[in-house]
PDB file of N, CA and C in Angstrom:
ATOM      1  N   MET A   1      -5.207   1.377  12.654  1.00  0.00           N
ATOM      2  CA  MET A   1      -6.125   2.532  12.248  1.00  0.00           C
ATOM      3  C   MET A   1      -7.208   1.690  11.485  1.00  0.00           C
ATOM      4  N   THR A   2      -8.250   2.322  11.269  1.00  0.00           N
ATOM      5  CA  THR A   2      -9.549   1.638  10.566  1.00  0.00           C
ATOM      6  C   THR A   2      -9.424   2.444   9.188  1.00  0.00           C
ATOM      7  N   GLU A   3     -10.085   1.573   8.321  1.00  0.00           N
ATOM      8  CA  GLU A   3     -10.339   2.149   6.870  1.00  0.00           C
ATOM      9  C   GLU A   3     -10.884   3.643   7.149  1.00  0.00           C
ATOM     10  N   LYS A   4     -11.705   3.831   7.795  1.00  0.00           N
ATOM     11  CA  LYS A   4     -12.343   5.232   7.665  1.00  0.00           C
ATOM     12  C   LYS A   4     -11.455   6.366   8.432  1.00  0.00           C
ATOM     13  N   GLU A   5     -10.678   5.967   9.316  1.00  0.00           N
ATOM     14  CA  GLU A   5      -9.416   7.036   9.815  1.00  0.00           C
ATOM     15  C   GLU A   5      -8.585   7.032   8.797  1.00  0.00           C
ATOM     16  N   LEU A   6      -8.085   6.126   7.932  1.00  0.00           N
ATOM     17  CA  LEU A   6      -7.352   6.439   6.911  1.00  0.00           C
ATOM     18  C   LEU A   6      -7.769   6.974   5.687  1.00  0.00           C
ATOM     19  N   LEU A   7      -8.986   6.741   5.350  1.00  0.00           N
ATOM     20  CA  LEU A   7      -9.492   7.626   4.234  1.00  0.00           C
ATOM     21  C   LEU A   7      -9.734   9.350   4.864  1.00  0.00           C
ATOM     22  N   GLU A   8     -10.112   9.297   6.152  1.00  0.00           N
ATOM     23  CA  GLU A   8     -10.288  10.732   6.696  1.00  0.00           C
ATOM     24  C   GLU A   8      -8.908  11.537   6.707  1.00  0.00           C
ATOM     25  N   LYS A   9      -7.909  10.762   6.771  1.00  0.00           N
ATOM     26  CA  LYS A   9      -6.378  11.258   7.041  1.00  0.00           C
ATOM     27  C   LYS A   9      -5.878  11.540   5.466  1.00  0.00           C
ATOM     28  N   GLY A  10      -6.653  11.244   4.355  1.00  0.00           N
ATOM     29  CA  GLY A  10      -6.130  11.557   3.090  1.00  0.00           C
ATOM     30  C   GLY A  10      -5.540  10.192   2.391  1.00  0.00           C
ATOM     31  N   TYR A  11      -5.656   9.222   2.908  1.00  0.00           N
ATOM     32  CA  TYR A  11      -5.108   8.064   2.368  1.00  0.00           C
ATOM     33  C   TYR A  11      -6.003   7.624   1.046  1.00  0.00           C
ATOM     34  N   ARG A  12      -5.696   7.028   0.038  1.00  0.00           N
ATOM     35  CA  ARG A  12      -6.291   6.446  -1.079  1.00  0.00           C
ATOM     36  C   ARG A  12      -6.296   4.887  -1.156  1.00  0.00           C
ATOM     37  N   LYS A  13      -7.383   4.251  -1.324  1.00  0.00           N
ATOM     38  CA  LYS A  13      -7.445   3.007  -1.155  1.00  0.00           C
ATOM     39  C   LYS A  13      -7.200   2.233  -2.521  1.00  0.00           C
ATOM     40  N   TYR A  14      -6.277   1.341  -2.447  1.00  0.00           N
ATOM     41  CA  TYR A  14      -6.136   0.211  -3.562  1.00  0.00           C
ATOM     42  C   TYR A  14      -6.541  -1.251  -3.237  1.00  0.00           C
ATOM     43  N   VAL A  15      -7.484  -1.709  -3.755  1.00  0.00           N
ATOM     44  CA  VAL A  15      -8.193  -2.935  -3.320  1.00  0.00           C
ATOM     45  C   VAL A  15      -7.567  -4.370  -3.836  1.00  0.00           C
ATOM     46  N   GLY A  16      -7.327  -4.881  -3.065  1.00  0.00           N
ATOM     47  CA  GLY A  16      -6.717  -6.423  -3.363  1.00  0.00           C
ATOM     48  C   GLY A  16      -7.694  -7.314  -2.742  1.00  0.00           C
ATOM     49  N   THR A  17      -7.396  -8.790  -3.134  1.00  0.00           N
ATOM     50  CA  THR A  17      -8.061  -9.781  -2.743  1.00  0.00           C
ATOM     51  C   THR A  17      -8.117 -10.265  -1.341  1.00  0.00           C
ATOM     52  N   LYS A  18      -6.708 -10.001  -0.520  1.00  0.00           N
ATOM     53  CA  LYS A  18      -6.675 -10.515   0.734  1.00  0.00           C
ATOM     54  C   LYS A  18      -6.050  -9.313   1.315  1.00  0.00           C
ATOM     55  N   VAL A  19      -5.428  -8.267   0.773  1.00  0.00           N
ATOM     56  CA  VAL A  19      -4.904  -7.024   1.484  1.00  0.00           C
ATOM     57  C   VAL A  19      -5.350  -5.524   0.633  1.00  0.00           C
ATOM     58  N   ASP A  20      -5.917  -4.837   1.470  1.00  0.00           N
ATOM     59  CA  ASP A  20      -6.166  -3.402   0.888  1.00  0.00           C
ATOM     60  C   ASP A  20      -4.877  -2.535   1.079  1.00  0.00           C
ATOM     61  N   VAL A  21      -4.435  -1.804   0.178  1.00  0.00           N
ATOM     62  CA  VAL A  21      -3.329  -0.972   0.565  1.00  0.00           C
ATOM     63  C   VAL A  21      -4.071   0.522   0.557  1.00  0.00           C
ATOM     64  N   TYR A  22      -3.243   1.396   1.273  1.00  0.00           N
ATOM     65  CA  TYR A  22      -3.510   2.807   1.197  1.00  0.00           C
ATOM     66  C   TYR A  22      -2.352   3.526   1.180  1.00  0.00           C
ATOM     67  N   PHE A  23      -2.597   4.666   0.555  1.00  0.00           N
ATOM     68  CA  PHE A  23      -1.387   5.453   0.104  1.00  0.00           C
ATOM     69  C   PHE A  23      -1.893   6.877   0.488  1.00  0.00           C
ATOM     70  N   ASN A  24      -0.979   7.794   1.031  1.00  0.00           N
ATOM     71  CA  ASN A  24      -0.946   8.936   1.332  1.00  0.00           C
ATOM     72  C   ASN A  24       0.090   9.799   0.588  1.00  0.00           C
ATOM     73  N   LYS A  25      -0.329  10.555  -0.419  1.00  0.00           N
ATOM     74  CA  LYS A  25       0.747  11.202  -1.288  1.00  0.00           C
ATOM     75  C   LYS A  25       1.507  12.356  -0.295  1.00  0.00           C
ATOM     76  N   ASP A  26       0.367  13.000   0.572  1.00  0.00           N
ATOM     77  CA  ASP A  26       1.086  14.234   1.067  1.00  0.00           C
ATOM     78  C   ASP A  26       2.065  13.742   2.209  1.00  0.00           C
ATOM     79  N   ILE A  27       2.142  12.483   2.755  1.00  0.00           N
ATOM     80  CA  ILE A  27       3.435  12.334   3.760  1.00  0.00           C
ATOM     81  C   ILE A  27       4.380  11.391   3.139  1.00  0.00           C
ATOM     82  N   CYS A  28       4.301  11.158   1.958  1.00  0.00           N
ATOM     83  CA  CYS A  28       5.296  10.329   1.244  1.00  0.00           C
ATOM     84  C   CYS A  28       6.580  10.927   1.232  1.00  0.00           C
ATOM     85  N   GLN A  29       7.841  10.322   1.470  1.00  0.00           N
ATOM     86  CA  GLN A  29       9.300  10.815   1.562  1.00  0.00           C
ATOM     87  C   GLN A  29       9.797  10.467   0.219  1.00  0.00           C
ATOM     88  N   HIS A  30       9.114   9.774  -0.521  1.00  0.00           N
ATOM     89  CA  HIS A  30       9.887   9.314  -1.863  1.00  0.00           C
ATOM     90  C   HIS A  30      11.160   8.483  -1.775  1.00  0.00           C
ATOM     91  N   SER A  31      11.250   7.598  -0.508  1.00  0.00           N
ATOM     92  CA  SER A  31      12.252   6.981  -0.478  1.00  0.00           C
ATOM     93  C   SER A  31      12.680   5.903  -1.492  1.00  0.00           C
ATOM     94  N   GLY A  32      11.514   5.594  -2.274  1.00  0.00           N
ATOM     95  CA  GLY A  32      11.425   4.522  -3.297  1.00  0.00           C
ATOM     96  C   GLY A  32      11.515   3.167  -2.790  1.00  0.00           C
ATOM     97  N   ILE A  33      11.477   2.904  -1.536  1.00  0.00           N
ATOM     98  CA  ILE A  33      11.539   1.503  -1.060  1.00  0.00           C
ATOM     99  C   ILE A  33      10.366   0.603  -1.686  1.00  0.00           C
ATOM    100  N   CYS A  34       9.200   1.281  -2.080  1.00  0.00           N
ATOM    101  CA  CYS A  34       8.116   0.562  -2.470  1.00  0.00           C
ATOM    102  C   CYS A  34       8.528   0.105  -3.875  1.00  0.00           C
ATOM    103  N   VAL A  35       8.784   1.121  -4.828  1.00  0.00           N
ATOM    104  CA  VAL A  35       8.864   0.737  -6.120  1.00  0.00           C
ATOM    105  C   VAL A  35      10.270  -0.072  -6.493  1.00  0.00           C
ATOM    106  N   LYS A  36      11.181   0.032  -5.519  1.00  0.00           N
ATOM    107  CA  LYS A  36      12.474  -0.636  -5.687  1.00  0.00           C
ATOM    108  C   LYS A  36      12.140  -2.285  -5.195  1.00  0.00           C
ATOM    109  N   GLY A  37      11.409  -2.231  -4.179  1.00  0.00           N
ATOM    110  CA  GLY A  37      11.181  -3.632  -3.390  1.00  0.00           C
ATOM    111  C   GLY A  37      10.259  -4.360  -4.056  1.00  0.00           C
ATOM    112  N   LEU A  38       8.984  -3.736  -4.585  1.00  0.00           N
ATOM    113  CA  LEU A  38       7.997  -4.759  -5.377  1.00  0.00           C
ATOM    114  C   LEU A  38       7.571  -3.861  -6.409  1.00  0.00           C
ATOM    115  N   SER A  39       8.344  -3.899  -7.389  1.00  0.00           N
ATOM    116  CA  SER A  39       8.018  -3.107  -8.724  1.00  0.00           C
ATOM    117  C   SER A  39       6.765  -3.447  -9.409  1.00  0.00           C
ATOM    118  N   GLU A  40       6.520  -5.173  -9.129  1.00  0.00           N
ATOM    119  CA  GLU A  40       5.197  -5.628  -9.888  1.00  0.00           C
ATOM    120  C   GLU A  40       3.890  -5.092  -8.977  1.00  0.00           C
ATOM    121  N   VAL A  41       4.132  -4.714  -7.843  1.00  0.00           N
ATOM    122  CA  VAL A  41       2.759  -3.986  -7.172  1.00  0.00           C
ATOM    123  C   VAL A  41       2.861  -2.439  -7.298  1.00  0.00           C
ATOM    124  N   PHE A  42       4.035  -1.893  -6.955  1.00  0.00           N
ATOM    125  CA  PHE A  42       4.073  -0.522  -7.262  1.00  0.00           C
ATOM    126  C   PHE A  42       4.807   0.167  -8.524  1.00  0.00           C
ATOM    127  N   ASP A  43       3.938   0.615  -9.354  1.00  0.00           N
ATOM    128  CA  ASP A  43       4.335   0.835 -10.788  1.00  0.00           C
ATOM    129  C   ASP A  43       4.085   2.415 -11.248  1.00  0.00           C
ATOM    130  N   LEU A  44       4.808   3.362 -10.968  1.00  0.00           N
ATOM    131  CA  LEU A  44       4.409   4.639 -11.106  1.00  0.00           C
ATOM    132  C   LEU A  44       4.057   4.917 -12.693  1.00  0.00           C
ATOM    133  N   ASN A  45       4.447   4.116 -13.664  1.00  0.00           N
ATOM    134  CA  ASN A  45       4.153   4.337 -14.917  1.00  0.00           C
ATOM    135  C   ASN A  45       2.858   3.532 -15.377  1.00  0.00           C
ATOM    136  N   ARG A  46       1.766   3.070 -14.475  1.00  0.00           N
ATOM    137  CA  ARG A  46       0.924   2.166 -14.587  1.00  0.00           C
ATOM    138  C   ARG A  46      -0.416   3.086 -13.792  1.00  0.00           C
ATOM    139  N   LYS A  47      -1.605   2.914 -14.342  1.00  0.00           N
ATOM    140  CA  LYS A  47      -2.676   3.447 -13.406  1.00  0.00           C
ATOM    141  C   LYS A  47      -3.663   2.285 -13.351  1.00  0.00           C
ATOM    142  N   PRO A  48      -4.098   1.619 -12.217  1.00  0.00           N
ATOM    143  CA  PRO A  48      -3.616   2.330 -10.958  1.00  0.00           C
ATOM    144  C   PRO A  48      -2.309   1.827 -10.647  1.00  0.00           C
ATOM    145  N   TRP A  49      -1.538   2.735  -9.979  1.00  0.00           N
ATOM    146  CA  TRP A  49      -0.051   2.349  -9.804  1.00  0.00           C
ATOM    147  C   TRP A  49       0.203   1.336  -8.867  1.00  0.00           C
ATOM    148  N   ILE A  50      -0.787   1.163  -7.947  1.00  0.00           N
ATOM    149  CA  ILE A  50      -0.572   0.122  -6.722  1.00  0.00           C
ATOM    150  C   ILE A  50      -1.576  -1.169  -7.274  1.00  0.00           C
ATOM    151  N   ILE A  51      -1.195  -2.197  -7.316  1.00  0.00           N
ATOM    152  CA  ILE A  51      -1.884  -3.481  -7.596  1.00  0.00           C
ATOM    153  C   ILE A  51      -1.578  -4.409  -6.403  1.00  0.00           C
ATOM    154  N   PRO A  52      -2.211  -4.497  -5.352  1.00  0.00           N
ATOM    155  CA  PRO A  52      -1.931  -5.272  -4.174  1.00  0.00           C
ATOM    156  C   PRO A  52      -1.934  -6.753  -4.523  1.00  0.00           C
ATOM    157  N   ASP A  53      -2.529  -7.357  -5.429  1.00  0.00           N
ATOM    158  CA  ASP A  53      -2.611  -8.878  -5.948  1.00  0.00           C
ATOM    159  C   ASP A  53      -1.404  -9.241  -6.584  1.00  0.00           C
ATOM    160  N   ASN A  54      -0.577  -8.436  -6.853  1.00  0.00           N
ATOM    161  CA  ASN A  54       0.748  -8.714  -7.824  1.00  0.00           C
ATOM    162  C   ASN A  54       1.789  -9.130  -7.053  1.00  0.00           C
ATOM    163  N   ALA A  55       1.721  -9.546  -5.542  1.00  0.00           N
ATOM    164  CA  ALA A  55       2.797 -10.012  -4.589  1.00  0.00           C
ATOM    165  C   ALA A  55       2.031 -10.872  -3.683  1.00  0.00           C
ATOM    166  N   THR A  56       2.654 -11.719  -3.144  1.00  0.00           N
ATOM    167  CA  THR A  56       2.120 -12.359  -1.919  1.00  0.00           C
ATOM    168  C   THR A  56       1.719 -11.285  -0.765  1.00  0.00           C
ATOM    169  N   GLU A  57       0.886 -12.032   0.063  1.00  0.00           N
ATOM    170  CA  GLU A  57       0.366 -11.222   1.132  1.00  0.00           C
ATOM    171  C   GLU A  57       1.400 -10.801   2.049  1.00  0.00           C
ATOM    172  N   GLU A  58       2.314 -11.866   2.421  1.00  0.00           N
ATOM    173  CA  GLU A  58       3.482 -11.595   3.242  1.00  0.00           C
ATOM    174  C   GLU A  58       4.420 -10.746   2.947  1.00  0.00           C
ATOM    175  N   ALA A  59       4.807 -10.571   1.399  1.00  0.00           N
ATOM    176  CA  ALA A  59       5.769  -9.725   0.819  1.00  0.00           C
ATOM    177  C   ALA A  59       5.433  -8.216   0.838  1.00  0.00           C
ATOM    178  N   LEU A  60       3.825  -8.065   0.738  1.00  0.00           N
ATOM    179  CA  LEU A  60       3.308  -7.109   0.530  1.00  0.00           C
ATOM    180  C   LEU A  60       3.219  -6.141   1.758  1.00  0.00           C
ATOM    181  N   ILE A  61       3.015  -6.816   3.238  1.00  0.00           N
ATOM    182  CA  ILE A  61       3.012  -6.577   4.167  1.00  0.00           C
ATOM    183  C   ILE A  61       4.296  -6.191   4.902  1.00  0.00           C
ATOM    184  N   ASN A  62       5.392  -7.088   4.345  1.00  0.00           N
ATOM    185  CA  ASN A  62       6.724  -6.819   4.976  1.00  0.00           C
ATOM    186  C   ASN A  62       7.165  -5.406   4.327  1.00  0.00           C
ATOM    187  N   LEU A  63       6.951  -5.315   3.001  1.00  0.00           N
ATOM    188  CA  LEU A  63       7.342  -4.120   2.599  1.00  0.00           C
ATOM    189  C   LEU A  63       6.551  -2.713   3.057  1.00  0.00           C
ATOM    190  N   ILE A  64       5.420  -2.730   3.220  1.00  0.00           N
ATOM    191  CA  ILE A  64       4.560  -1.638   3.716  1.00  0.00           C
ATOM    192  C   ILE A  64       5.261  -1.438   5.021  1.00  0.00           C
ATOM    193  N   ASP A  65       5.472  -2.252   5.802  1.00  0.00           N
ATOM    194  CA  ASP A  65       5.933  -2.204   7.243  1.00  0.00           C
ATOM    195  C   ASP A  65       7.170  -1.504   7.338  1.00  0.00           C
ATOM    196  N   SER A  66       8.025  -1.513   6.157  1.00  0.00           N
ATOM    197  CA  SER A  66       9.285  -0.714   5.966  1.00  0.00           C
ATOM    198  C   SER A  66       9.213   0.583   5.396  1.00  0.00           C
ATOM    199  N   CYS A  67       7.978   0.944   5.130  1.00  0.00           N
ATOM    200  CA  CYS A  67       7.865   2.287   4.676  1.00  0.00           C
ATOM    201  C   CYS A  67       8.243   3.343   5.553  1.00  0.00           C
ATOM    202  N   PRO A  68       9.337   4.284   5.490  1.00  0.00           N
ATOM    203  CA  PRO A  68       9.817   5.009   6.422  1.00  0.00           C
ATOM    204  C   PRO A  68       8.771   6.307   7.045  1.00  0.00           C
ATOM    205  N   SER A  69       8.012   6.728   6.021  1.00  0.00           N
ATOM    206  CA  SER A  69       7.314   7.917   6.239  1.00  0.00           C
ATOM    207  C   SER A  69       5.739   7.272   6.774  1.00  0.00           C
ATOM    208  N   GLY A  70       5.096   6.141   6.490  1.00  0.00           N
ATOM    209  CA  GLY A  70       4.005   5.624   6.804  1.00  0.00           C
ATOM    210  C   GLY A  70       2.906   6.484   5.869  1.00  0.00           C
ATOM    211  N   ALA A  71       3.505   6.623   4.726  1.00  0.00           N
ATOM    212  CA  ALA A  71       2.698   6.949   3.513  1.00  0.00           C
ATOM    213  C   ALA A  71       1.780   5.800   3.052  1.00  0.00           C
ATOM    214  N   LEU A  72       2.408   4.556   3.246  1.00  0.00           N
ATOM    215  CA  LEU A  72       1.586   3.291   2.823  1.00  0.00           C
ATOM    216  C   LEU A  72       1.365   2.633   4.313  1.00  0.00           C
ATOM    217  N   GLN A  73      -0.098   2.149   4.132  1.00  0.00           N
ATOM    218  CA  GLN A  73      -0.630   1.541   5.380  1.00  0.00           C
ATOM    219  C   GLN A  73      -1.512   0.163   4.502  1.00  0.00           C
ATOM    220  N   TYR A  74      -1.680  -0.765   5.392  1.00  0.00           N
ATOM    221  CA  TYR A  74      -2.678  -1.666   5.023  1.00  0.00           C
ATOM    222  C   TYR A  74      -3.690  -2.256   5.728  1.00  0.00           C
ATOM    223  N   ILE A  75      -4.738  -2.842   5.228  1.00  0.00           N
ATOM    224  CA  ILE A  75      -5.625  -3.661   6.213  1.00  0.00           C
ATOM    225  C   ILE A  75      -5.827  -4.968   5.515  1.00  0.00           C
ATOM    226  N   VAL A  76      -5.590  -5.873   6.364  1.00  0.00           N
ATOM    227  CA  VAL A  76      -5.845  -7.467   5.970  1.00  0.00           C
ATOM    228  C   VAL A  76      -7.120  -7.884   6.024  1.00  0.00           C
ATOM    229  N   LYS A  77      -7.754  -8.406   5.072  1.00  0.00           N
ATOM    230  CA  LYS A  77      -9.148  -8.693   5.091  1.00  0.00           C
ATOM    231  C   LYS A  77      -9.305  -9.884   5.896  1.00  0.00           C
ATOM    232  N   ASN A  78     -10.621  -9.930   6.322  1.00  0.00           N
ATOM    233  CA  ASN A  78     -11.041 -11.112   7.104  1.00  0.00           C
ATOM    234  C   ASN A  78     -11.094 -12.427   6.165  1.00  0.00           C
ATOM    235  N   GLU A  79     -10.929 -13.663   6.387  1.00  0.00           N
ATOM    236  CA  GLU A  79     -11.212 -14.510   5.568  1.00  0.00           C
ATOM    237  C   GLU A  79     -12.255 -15.318   5.836  1.00  0.00           C
ATOM    238  N   ASN A  80     -13.284 -14.867   6.508  1.00  0.00           N
ATOM    239  CA  ASN A  80     -14.397 -15.633   6.985  1.00  0.00           C
ATOM    240  C   ASN A  80     -15.312 -15.769   5.691  1.00  0.00           C
TER     241      ASN A  80
END
């Protein structure tokens, strides 16, 4: 999905250096995989609650790929 499509579907963008993370609260099933798996990135007691650069690109992508609802998405930035 493109950034435009994600934003049109209600996702909110959290900017990282290498990866931007997108979250849609309306489809989140609150499984807790994000906060339990990468608490340094996903912290409900902090604003912004998602800081993509607080984990490696690989760890972040692996966690987002395991989100059961699809509420988390990502776009890897070009390194050109």
